[in-house]
Each structure stands twice: as C-alpha cells, then as structure tokens.
Amino acid sequence: MQLIPLKSQKIESGDNLLQSFLSALESANESVGEGDIIVIASKVLAFSQGRLVESADIKELVKKEADVILDEGEMVITLKNKILIPNAGIDNSNTPDGQAVLWPDDPFGSARGIRKELIGKFNLKNLGVLITDSHCQPLRAGTTGIAIGWAGFEGVQDEIGKKDLFGRPMVYTKIAIADDLASAANLLMGETDASIPFVIVRDLNITFTDKEFSEDDYFIGPEECIYKGFYGKKL
C-alpha cells in the first residue's frame, strides 16, 4: 500500500473543493488512477460548504448540532451522525480567529458527488473517496483518524464465519477498512500546520463497488455496541 500526501494552498470558506484537490494534484505532479482511494479531511469539505460560524459560545453550537447529548463537562460528549464524538465534531483549530467549523453536511453524499466528478474526469471505474476526521478514544492519549463518510468501496469487511488459525469460525469480527485508512492518512495529514488535506491511497486490495451507502449501512446502534453499559441508558 502506498500513501501519497498532497499539499494544498490554504482553503477558504466557500472554495471549490474539487478544484483545490486538482490544484494540489498538479502541484505534486500526480494523477488519479484506477483503484485509488482519495482521502479528504472533513475540515476542508466543511470549509467548501461554508460551515464556518462565529464561536462565541461553543456549547450552544453543540446543542444545535448534536443529535444526542450524553454528558456535559469540559467537552460535551455527543452523538452526531451515529458517531460518538466530542462537541458534535465542532472544532476551532485551523480556523480564523473567533470562528469554528462545524462537521460537513452529508459526508456520504459528498463523497459520492466527489467520486462521480473524479470518475468522469479521469475515466475510471474503480475509485474510492473517503472523508475523515480525527477523534479521541476513551482511556487512550492522542488522536486517531475516523471515517465519517465514503463512497466507491466497502468500508467494513465482514469476517464472520471465516476460520481462525485454529479452525474456529469467527463469531463477531468485522474489519473497519474505512477507519483503518482514515488513521493511516491521518499520520500524514497531521493536526497542526502540515497543510495536507488530501492523501491518495494506492495499491490496496479492497472491494470496490458502485453501491450507495449511508451511515445506516455501517454504523451500529447502541443496543449492539459492546460498550453500551457505559452510556446505554442515555441513548
């Protein structure tokens, strides 16, 4: 597997995301090929959608944006688009002073739209697009990547029924392909001033598809989650 980072000029609110990607691609003397996966930071997608807002009161913004509020402390623990995330994904890093950026609208639909444009432009059949953010995991220091929307490939690989090294069938295991790719790309994107909002993933053996997905296809409900005992009564 290859990971190819694409540096970009600063992307402003309302900028054309596809044009920003193509400019970064040209600057890197790269192209988009058959079987590539284009990883896009959620923040630049949100910028392109004009999702910048005044950040005088983050908690009030969270109340408007969150689907469910689980706990209100220094950070508000929320459910947004079926993802457990602090502050409904709202962030004020790498934004102009006094402003915050909301999570992008319809990340799955956005991934489909970007994929359609790129398939047409580069005359491709198999192409993936992945929208990512970074998040914190309970009881772990640091951030990792997380997939919030994708198109063109199976984001979860079902291993149930396959046999392990000792011949026993797997009962629960599914591989979070999209999240794994998000974490890999996040190593290159960074969290500060790297200016790498795009990463090309190349030479990866995954299942490509034209099926249209939404969070309902991949994200499980609280009743299925192994950690439901910690928050189940609040959902």
C-alpha atoms as a PDB file:
ATOM      1  CA  MET A   1       0.000   0.000   0.000  1.00  0.00           C
ATOM      2  CA  GLN A   2       1.222   3.486  -0.867  1.00  0.00           C
ATOM      3  CA  LEU A   3       0.153   6.718   0.817  1.00  0.00           C
ATOM      4  CA  ILE A   4       0.734   9.859  -1.243  1.00  0.00           C
ATOM      5  CA  PRO A   5       0.254  13.187   0.584  1.00  0.00           C
ATOM      6  CA  LEU A   6      -0.962  16.219  -1.366  1.00  0.00           C
ATOM      7  CA  LYS A   7      -0.094  19.650   0.000  1.00  0.00           C
ATOM      8  CA  SER A   8      -2.640  22.381  -0.662  1.00  0.00           C
ATOM      9  CA  GLN A   9      -2.880  26.130  -0.557  1.00  0.00           C
ATOM     10  CA  LYS A  10      -4.992  27.402   2.319  1.00  0.00           C
ATOM     11  CA  ILE A  11      -8.630  26.548   1.592  1.00  0.00           C
ATOM     12  CA  GLU A  12     -11.078  29.313   2.468  1.00  0.00           C
ATOM     13  CA  SER A  13     -14.779  29.189   3.251  1.00  0.00           C
ATOM     14  CA  GLY A  14     -16.772  28.594   0.077  1.00  0.00           C
ATOM     15  CA  ASP A  15     -13.792  27.499  -2.054  1.00  0.00           C
ATOM     16  CA  ASN A  16     -14.365  24.840  -4.709  1.00  0.00           C
ATOM     17  CA  LEU A  17     -13.089  21.634  -3.103  1.00  0.00           C
ATOM     18  CA  LEU A  18     -12.662  19.691  -6.334  1.00  0.00           C
ATOM     19  CA  GLN A  19     -10.594  22.498  -7.847  1.00  0.00           C
ATOM     20  CA  SER A  20      -8.472  22.675  -4.688  1.00  0.00           C
ATOM     21  CA  PHE A  21      -7.832  18.932  -4.949  1.00  0.00           C
ATOM     22  CA  LEU A  22      -6.942  19.125  -8.646  1.00  0.00           C
ATOM     23  CA  SER A  23      -4.541  22.008  -7.985  1.00  0.00           C
ATOM     24  CA  ALA A  24      -2.851  20.018  -5.206  1.00  0.00           C
ATOM     25  CA  LEU A  25      -2.665  17.013  -7.534  1.00  0.00           C
ATOM     26  CA  GLU A  26      -0.991  19.073 -10.261  1.00  0.00           C
ATOM     27  CA  SER A  27       1.481  20.649  -7.826  1.00  0.00           C
ATOM     28  CA  ALA A  28       2.540  17.169  -6.703  1.00  0.00           C
ATOM     29  CA  ASN A  29       2.857  16.002 -10.325  1.00  0.00           C
ATOM     30  CA  GLU A  30       0.399  13.218  -9.546  1.00  0.00           C
ATOM     31  CA  SER A  31      -2.737  11.860 -11.174  1.00  0.00           C
ATOM     32  CA  VAL A  32      -5.695   9.744 -10.081  1.00  0.00           C
ATOM     33  CA  GLY A  33      -5.552   6.143 -11.221  1.00  0.00           C
ATOM     34  CA  GLU A  34      -7.676   3.019 -11.323  1.00  0.00           C
ATOM     35  CA  GLY A  35      -8.096   1.561  -7.837  1.00  0.00           C
ATOM     36  CA  ASP A  36      -7.014   4.684  -5.938  1.00  0.00           C
ATOM     37  CA  ILE A  37      -8.758   5.907  -2.788  1.00  0.00           C
ATOM     38  CA  ILE A  38      -8.857   9.675  -2.294  1.00  0.00           C
ATOM     39  CA  VAL A  39      -8.840  10.622   1.385  1.00  0.00           C
ATOM     40  CA  ILE A  40     -10.170  14.098   2.191  1.00  0.00           C
ATOM     41  CA  ALA A  41     -10.045  15.871   5.545  1.00  0.00           C
ATOM     42  CA  SER A  42     -13.552  16.680   6.757  1.00  0.00           C
ATOM     43  CA  LYS A  43     -12.492  20.214   7.674  1.00  0.00           C
ATOM     44  CA  VAL A  44     -11.753  21.254   4.081  1.00  0.00           C
ATOM     45  CA  LEU A  45     -15.039  19.717   2.949  1.00  0.00           C
ATOM     46  CA  ALA A  46     -16.801  21.733   5.645  1.00  0.00           C
ATOM     47  CA  PHE A  47     -14.934  24.891   4.566  1.00  0.00           C
ATOM     48  CA  SER A  48     -16.073  24.348   0.982  1.00  0.00           C
ATOM     49  CA  GLN A  49     -19.661  24.056   2.244  1.00  0.00           C
ATOM     50  CA  GLY A  50     -19.377  27.347   4.134  1.00  0.00           C
ATOM     51  CA  ARG A  51     -19.692  25.647   7.530  1.00  0.00           C
ATOM     52  CA  LEU A  52     -17.655  28.299   9.386  1.00  0.00           C
ATOM     53  CA  VAL A  53     -19.519  30.036  12.216  1.00  0.00           C
ATOM     54  CA  GLU A  54     -18.800  32.516  14.996  1.00  0.00           C
ATOM     55  CA  SER A  55     -17.523  30.580  18.016  1.00  0.00           C
ATOM     56  CA  ALA A  56     -18.521  32.829  20.922  1.00  0.00           C
ATOM     57  CA  ASP A  57     -20.403  30.003  22.661  1.00  0.00           C
ATOM     58  CA  ILE A  58     -19.264  26.530  21.611  1.00  0.00           C
ATOM     59  CA  LYS A  59     -21.698  24.755  23.939  1.00  0.00           C
ATOM     60  CA  GLU A  60     -24.676  26.497  22.349  1.00  0.00           C
ATOM     61  CA  LEU A  61     -23.397  25.467  18.923  1.00  0.00           C
ATOM     62  CA  VAL A  62     -23.061  21.899  20.154  1.00  0.00           C
ATOM     63  CA  LYS A  63     -26.668  21.867  21.370  1.00  0.00           C
ATOM     64  CA  LYS A  64     -27.816  22.902  17.890  1.00  0.00           C
ATOM     65  CA  GLU A  65     -25.586  20.449  16.023  1.00  0.00           C
ATOM     66  CA  ALA A  66     -25.667  17.320  18.204  1.00  0.00           C
ATOM     67  CA  ASP A  67     -28.196  14.558  17.591  1.00  0.00           C
ATOM     68  CA  VAL A  68     -27.897  13.417  21.227  1.00  0.00           C
ATOM     69  CA  ILE A  69     -26.032  14.936  24.193  1.00  0.00           C
ATOM     70  CA  LEU A  70     -24.666  12.287  26.561  1.00  0.00           C
ATOM     71  CA  ASP A  71     -22.636  14.329  29.012  1.00  0.00           C
ATOM     72  CA  GLU A  72     -21.772  17.992  29.539  1.00  0.00           C
ATOM     73  CA  GLY A  73     -18.337  18.630  31.012  1.00  0.00           C
ATOM     74  CA  GLU A  74     -15.302  20.471  29.728  1.00  0.00           C
ATOM     75  CA  MET A  75     -16.149  18.764  26.449  1.00  0.00           C
ATOM     76  CA  VAL A  76     -19.721  17.881  25.553  1.00  0.00           C
ATOM     77  CA  ILE A  77     -19.954  14.169  24.677  1.00  0.00           C
ATOM     78  CA  THR A  78     -22.402  13.777  21.817  1.00  0.00           C
ATOM     79  CA  LEU A  79     -23.788  11.513  19.148  1.00  0.00           C
ATOM     80  CA  LYS A  80     -23.611  13.067  15.678  1.00  0.00           C
ATOM     81  CA  ASN A  81     -24.465  11.154  12.506  1.00  0.00           C
ATOM     82  CA  LYS A  82     -24.424   7.975  14.662  1.00  0.00           C
ATOM     83  CA  ILE A  83     -20.806   8.673  15.697  1.00  0.00           C
ATOM     84  CA  LEU A  84     -19.770   9.178  19.324  1.00  0.00           C
ATOM     85  CA  ILE A  85     -17.760  12.406  19.178  1.00  0.00           C
ATOM     86  CA  PRO A  86     -16.934  15.335  21.498  1.00  0.00           C
ATOM     87  CA  ASN A  87     -18.670  18.643  20.739  1.00  0.00           C
ATOM     88  CA  ALA A  88     -20.607  17.205  17.761  1.00  0.00           C
ATOM     89  CA  GLY A  89     -17.371  17.415  15.766  1.00  0.00           C
ATOM     90  CA  ILE A  90     -17.179  21.220  16.103  1.00  0.00           C
ATOM     91  CA  ASP A  91     -13.580  22.432  16.044  1.00  0.00           C
ATOM     92  CA  ASN A  92     -11.825  25.799  16.264  1.00  0.00           C
ATOM     93  CA  SER A  93      -8.298  24.673  15.360  1.00  0.00           C
ATOM     94  CA  ASN A  94      -7.020  25.714  11.925  1.00  0.00           C
ATOM     95  CA  THR A  95      -9.840  28.246  11.632  1.00  0.00           C
ATOM     96  CA  PRO A  96      -9.782  32.064  11.583  1.00  0.00           C
ATOM     97  CA  ASP A  97      -9.778  33.792  14.983  1.00  0.00           C
ATOM     98  CA  GLY A  98     -13.202  33.818  16.606  1.00  0.00           C
ATOM     99  CA  GLN A  99     -14.618  31.146  14.309  1.00  0.00           C
ATOM    100  CA  ALA A 100     -15.275  27.421  14.495  1.00  0.00           C
ATOM    101  CA  VAL A 101     -16.002  24.873  11.813  1.00  0.00           C
ATOM    102  CA  LEU A 102     -18.971  22.520  12.003  1.00  0.00           C
ATOM    103  CA  TRP A 103     -18.892  18.989  10.709  1.00  0.00           C
ATOM    104  CA  PRO A 104     -19.665  18.837   6.978  1.00  0.00           C
ATOM    105  CA  ASP A 105     -23.186  18.279   5.751  1.00  0.00           C
ATOM    106  CA  ASP A 106     -23.966  14.806   4.385  1.00  0.00           C
ATOM    107  CA  PRO A 107     -20.445  13.325   4.255  1.00  0.00           C
ATOM    108  CA  PHE A 108     -21.613  10.151   2.496  1.00  0.00           C
ATOM    109  CA  GLY A 109     -23.455  12.142  -0.164  1.00  0.00           C
ATOM    110  CA  SER A 110     -20.481  14.477  -0.537  1.00  0.00           C
ATOM    111  CA  ALA A 111     -18.142  11.516  -1.051  1.00  0.00           C
ATOM    112  CA  ARG A 112     -20.457  10.175  -3.759  1.00  0.00           C
ATOM    113  CA  GLY A 113     -20.548  13.534  -5.525  1.00  0.00           C
ATOM    114  CA  ILE A 114     -16.765  13.961  -5.476  1.00  0.00           C
ATOM    115  CA  ARG A 115     -16.283  10.384  -6.682  1.00  0.00           C
ATOM    116  CA  LYS A 116     -18.674  10.945  -9.590  1.00  0.00           C
ATOM    117  CA  GLU A 117     -16.759  14.052 -10.678  1.00  0.00           C
ATOM    118  CA  LEU A 118     -13.375  12.322 -10.487  1.00  0.00           C
ATOM    119  CA  ILE A 119     -14.540   9.165 -12.265  1.00  0.00           C
ATOM    120  CA  GLY A 120     -15.794  11.318 -15.120  1.00  0.00           C
ATOM    121  CA  LYS A 121     -12.686  13.481 -15.309  1.00  0.00           C
ATOM    122  CA  PHE A 122     -10.158  10.629 -15.200  1.00  0.00           C
ATOM    123  CA  ASN A 123     -12.274   7.990 -16.993  1.00  0.00           C
ATOM    124  CA  LEU A 124     -12.136   5.466 -14.158  1.00  0.00           C
ATOM    125  CA  LYS A 125     -14.250   2.555 -12.956  1.00  0.00           C
ATOM    126  CA  ASN A 126     -12.830   1.684  -9.530  1.00  0.00           C
ATOM    127  CA  LEU A 127     -12.250   4.709  -7.304  1.00  0.00           C
ATOM    128  CA  GLY A 128     -12.875   5.319  -3.620  1.00  0.00           C
ATOM    129  CA  VAL A 129     -13.428   8.607  -1.796  1.00  0.00           C
ATOM    130  CA  LEU A 130     -13.103   8.774   1.988  1.00  0.00           C
ATOM    131  CA  ILE A 131     -13.989  11.700   4.278  1.00  0.00           C
ATOM    132  CA  THR A 132     -12.059  11.643   7.560  1.00  0.00           C
ATOM    133  CA  ASP A 133     -11.676  13.459  10.840  1.00  0.00           C
ATOM    134  CA  SER A 134      -9.565  12.851  13.924  1.00  0.00           C
ATOM    135  CA  HIS A 135     -11.018  11.817  17.261  1.00  0.00           C
ATOM    136  CA  CYS A 136     -10.044  10.692  20.751  1.00  0.00           C
ATOM    137  CA  GLN A 137     -10.675   7.198  22.093  1.00  0.00           C
ATOM    138  CA  PRO A 138     -11.656   6.596  25.723  1.00  0.00           C
ATOM    139  CA  LEU A 139      -8.711   5.917  28.042  1.00  0.00           C
ATOM    140  CA  ARG A 140      -6.172   6.498  25.256  1.00  0.00           C
ATOM    141  CA  ALA A 141      -3.881   9.502  24.860  1.00  0.00           C
ATOM    142  CA  GLY A 142      -3.777  11.172  21.455  1.00  0.00           C
ATOM    143  CA  THR A 143      -5.961  11.235  18.373  1.00  0.00           C
ATOM    144  CA  THR A 144      -6.526   8.772  15.550  1.00  0.00           C
ATOM    145  CA  GLY A 145      -8.345   9.028  12.260  1.00  0.00           C
ATOM    146  CA  ILE A 146     -12.003   8.159  11.865  1.00  0.00           C
ATOM    147  CA  ALA A 147     -14.098   7.746   8.722  1.00  0.00           C
ATOM    148  CA  ILE A 148     -17.253   9.855   8.637  1.00  0.00           C
ATOM    149  CA  GLY A 149     -18.317   9.117   5.061  1.00  0.00           C
ATOM    150  CA  TRP A 150     -17.122   7.236   1.980  1.00  0.00           C
ATOM    151  CA  ALA A 151     -18.098   6.047  -1.472  1.00  0.00           C
ATOM    152  CA  GLY A 152     -16.883   3.548  -4.040  1.00  0.00           C
ATOM    153  CA  PHE A 153     -15.643   0.783  -1.738  1.00  0.00           C
ATOM    154  CA  GLU A 154     -16.801  -1.497   1.061  1.00  0.00           C
ATOM    155  CA  GLY A 155     -15.918   0.365   4.249  1.00  0.00           C
ATOM    156  CA  VAL A 156     -16.345  -2.663   6.518  1.00  0.00           C
ATOM    157  CA  GLN A 157     -15.120  -6.172   5.706  1.00  0.00           C
ATOM    158  CA  ASP A 158     -17.159  -8.967   7.270  1.00  0.00           C
ATOM    159  CA  GLU A 159     -15.011 -11.808   8.656  1.00  0.00           C
ATOM    160  CA  ILE A 160     -17.856 -13.619  10.443  1.00  0.00           C
ATOM    161  CA  GLY A 161     -17.849 -17.324   9.628  1.00  0.00           C
ATOM    162  CA  LYS A 162     -14.256 -17.365   8.401  1.00  0.00           C
ATOM    163  CA  LYS A 163     -11.900 -19.668  10.305  1.00  0.00           C
ATOM    164  CA  ASP A 164      -9.052 -18.525  12.534  1.00  0.00           C
ATOM    165  CA  LEU A 165      -5.609 -20.168  12.722  1.00  0.00           C
ATOM    166  CA  PHE A 166      -7.044 -22.986  14.837  1.00  0.00           C
ATOM    167  CA  GLY A 167     -10.005 -23.683  12.568  1.00  0.00           C
ATOM    168  CA  ARG A 168     -12.612 -21.968  14.735  1.00  0.00           C
ATOM    169  CA  PRO A 169     -15.186 -19.816  12.902  1.00  0.00           C
ATOM    170  CA  MET A 170     -15.137 -16.102  13.697  1.00  0.00           C
ATOM    171  CA  VAL A 171     -18.299 -15.018  15.510  1.00  0.00           C
ATOM    172  CA  TYR A 172     -18.075 -11.227  15.757  1.00  0.00           C
ATOM    173  CA  THR A 173     -15.145  -9.828  13.780  1.00  0.00           C
ATOM    174  CA  LYS A 174     -15.569  -7.211  11.098  1.00  0.00           C
ATOM    175  CA  ILE A 175     -12.612  -5.153   9.829  1.00  0.00           C
ATOM    176  CA  ALA A 176     -13.181  -1.391   9.796  1.00  0.00           C
ATOM    177  CA  ILE A 177     -11.455  -0.756   6.461  1.00  0.00           C
ATOM    178  CA  ALA A 178     -12.565   2.882   6.230  1.00  0.00           C
ATOM    179  CA  ASP A 179     -11.438   3.712   9.774  1.00  0.00           C
ATOM    180  CA  ASP A 180      -8.098   1.961   9.246  1.00  0.00           C
ATOM    181  CA  LEU A 181      -7.489   4.013   6.100  1.00  0.00           C
ATOM    182  CA  ALA A 182      -8.515   7.181   7.927  1.00  0.00           C
ATOM    183  CA  SER A 183      -5.915   6.517  10.621  1.00  0.00           C
ATOM    184  CA  ALA A 184      -3.203   5.782   8.063  1.00  0.00           C
ATOM    185  CA  ALA A 185      -3.926   9.012   6.184  1.00  0.00           C
ATOM    186  CA  ASN A 186      -4.129  10.963   9.443  1.00  0.00           C
ATOM    187  CA  LEU A 187      -0.432  10.228  10.073  1.00  0.00           C
ATOM    188  CA  LEU A 188       0.379  12.325   7.003  1.00  0.00           C
ATOM    189  CA  MET A 189      -2.334  14.948   7.367  1.00  0.00           C
ATOM    190  CA  GLY A 190      -1.269  15.849  10.897  1.00  0.00           C
ATOM    191  CA  GLU A 191      -3.103  18.092  13.344  1.00  0.00           C
ATOM    192  CA  THR A 192      -1.274  21.426  13.031  1.00  0.00           C
ATOM    193  CA  ASP A 193       0.210  23.247  10.026  1.00  0.00           C
ATOM    194  CA  ALA A 194       1.084  20.394   7.633  1.00  0.00           C
ATOM    195  CA  SER A 195      -1.399  21.703   5.004  1.00  0.00           C
ATOM    196  CA  ILE A 196      -2.055  18.167   3.733  1.00  0.00           C
ATOM    197  CA  PRO A 197      -5.852  17.842   3.440  1.00  0.00           C
ATOM    198  CA  PHE A 198      -5.673  15.142   0.735  1.00  0.00           C
ATOM    199  CA  VAL A 199      -3.982  11.736   0.641  1.00  0.00           C
ATOM    200  CA  ILE A 200      -4.053   9.189  -2.177  1.00  0.00           C
ATOM    201  CA  VAL A 201      -4.107   5.541  -1.067  1.00  0.00           C
ATOM    202  CA  ARG A 202      -2.784   3.276  -3.805  1.00  0.00           C
ATOM    203  CA  ASP A 203      -2.137  -0.457  -4.338  1.00  0.00           C
ATOM    204  CA  LEU A 204      -4.575  -1.675  -1.707  1.00  0.00           C
ATOM    205  CA  ASN A 205      -6.579  -4.855  -2.241  1.00  0.00           C
ATOM    206  CA  ILE A 206     -10.109  -3.877  -1.210  1.00  0.00           C
ATOM    207  CA  THR A 207     -13.580  -4.390  -2.659  1.00  0.00           C
ATOM    208  CA  PHE A 208     -14.732  -1.552  -4.900  1.00  0.00           C
ATOM    209  CA  THR A 209     -18.429  -1.036  -5.580  1.00  0.00           C
ATOM    210  CA  ASP A 210     -20.893   1.420  -7.108  1.00  0.00           C
ATOM    211  CA  LYS A 211     -23.415   0.835  -4.316  1.00  0.00           C
ATOM    212  CA  GLU A 212     -24.587   3.926  -2.466  1.00  0.00           C
ATOM    213  CA  PHE A 213     -24.028   3.857   1.291  1.00  0.00           C
ATOM    214  CA  SER A 214     -25.148   5.863   4.288  1.00  0.00           C
ATOM    215  CA  GLU A 215     -24.349   5.688   7.987  1.00  0.00           C
ATOM    216  CA  ASP A 216     -27.314   3.310   8.368  1.00  0.00           C
ATOM    217  CA  ASP A 217     -25.401   0.671   6.390  1.00  0.00           C
ATOM    218  CA  TYR A 218     -22.325   0.603   8.599  1.00  0.00           C
ATOM    219  CA  PHE A 219     -22.787   2.249  11.988  1.00  0.00           C
ATOM    220  CA  ILE A 220     -24.339   0.036  14.656  1.00  0.00           C
ATOM    221  CA  GLY A 221     -26.963   1.104  17.164  1.00  0.00           C
ATOM    222  CA  PRO A 222     -26.295   1.436  20.908  1.00  0.00           C
ATOM    223  CA  GLU A 223     -28.039  -1.869  21.589  1.00  0.00           C
ATOM    224  CA  GLU A 224     -25.362  -3.697  19.539  1.00  0.00           C
ATOM    225  CA  CYS A 225     -22.343  -1.893  20.995  1.00  0.00           C
ATOM    226  CA  ILE A 226     -20.114  -3.810  23.428  1.00  0.00           C
ATOM    227  CA  TYR A 227     -19.686  -0.607  25.479  1.00  0.00           C
ATOM    228  CA  LYS A 228     -23.412   0.031  25.814  1.00  0.00           C
ATOM    229  CA  GLY A 229     -23.269  -0.449  29.591  1.00  0.00           C
ATOM    230  CA  PHE A 230     -21.471   2.890  29.931  1.00  0.00           C
ATOM    231  CA  TYR A 231     -23.982   5.011  28.035  1.00  0.00           C
ATOM    232  CA  GLY A 232     -26.883   2.790  27.017  1.00  0.00           C
ATOM    233  CA  LYS A 233     -29.433   4.445  29.311  1.00  0.00           C
ATOM    234  CA  LYS A 234     -28.757   7.830  27.700  1.00  0.00           C
ATOM    235  CA  LEU A 235     -29.476   6.689  24.135  1.00  0.00           C
END
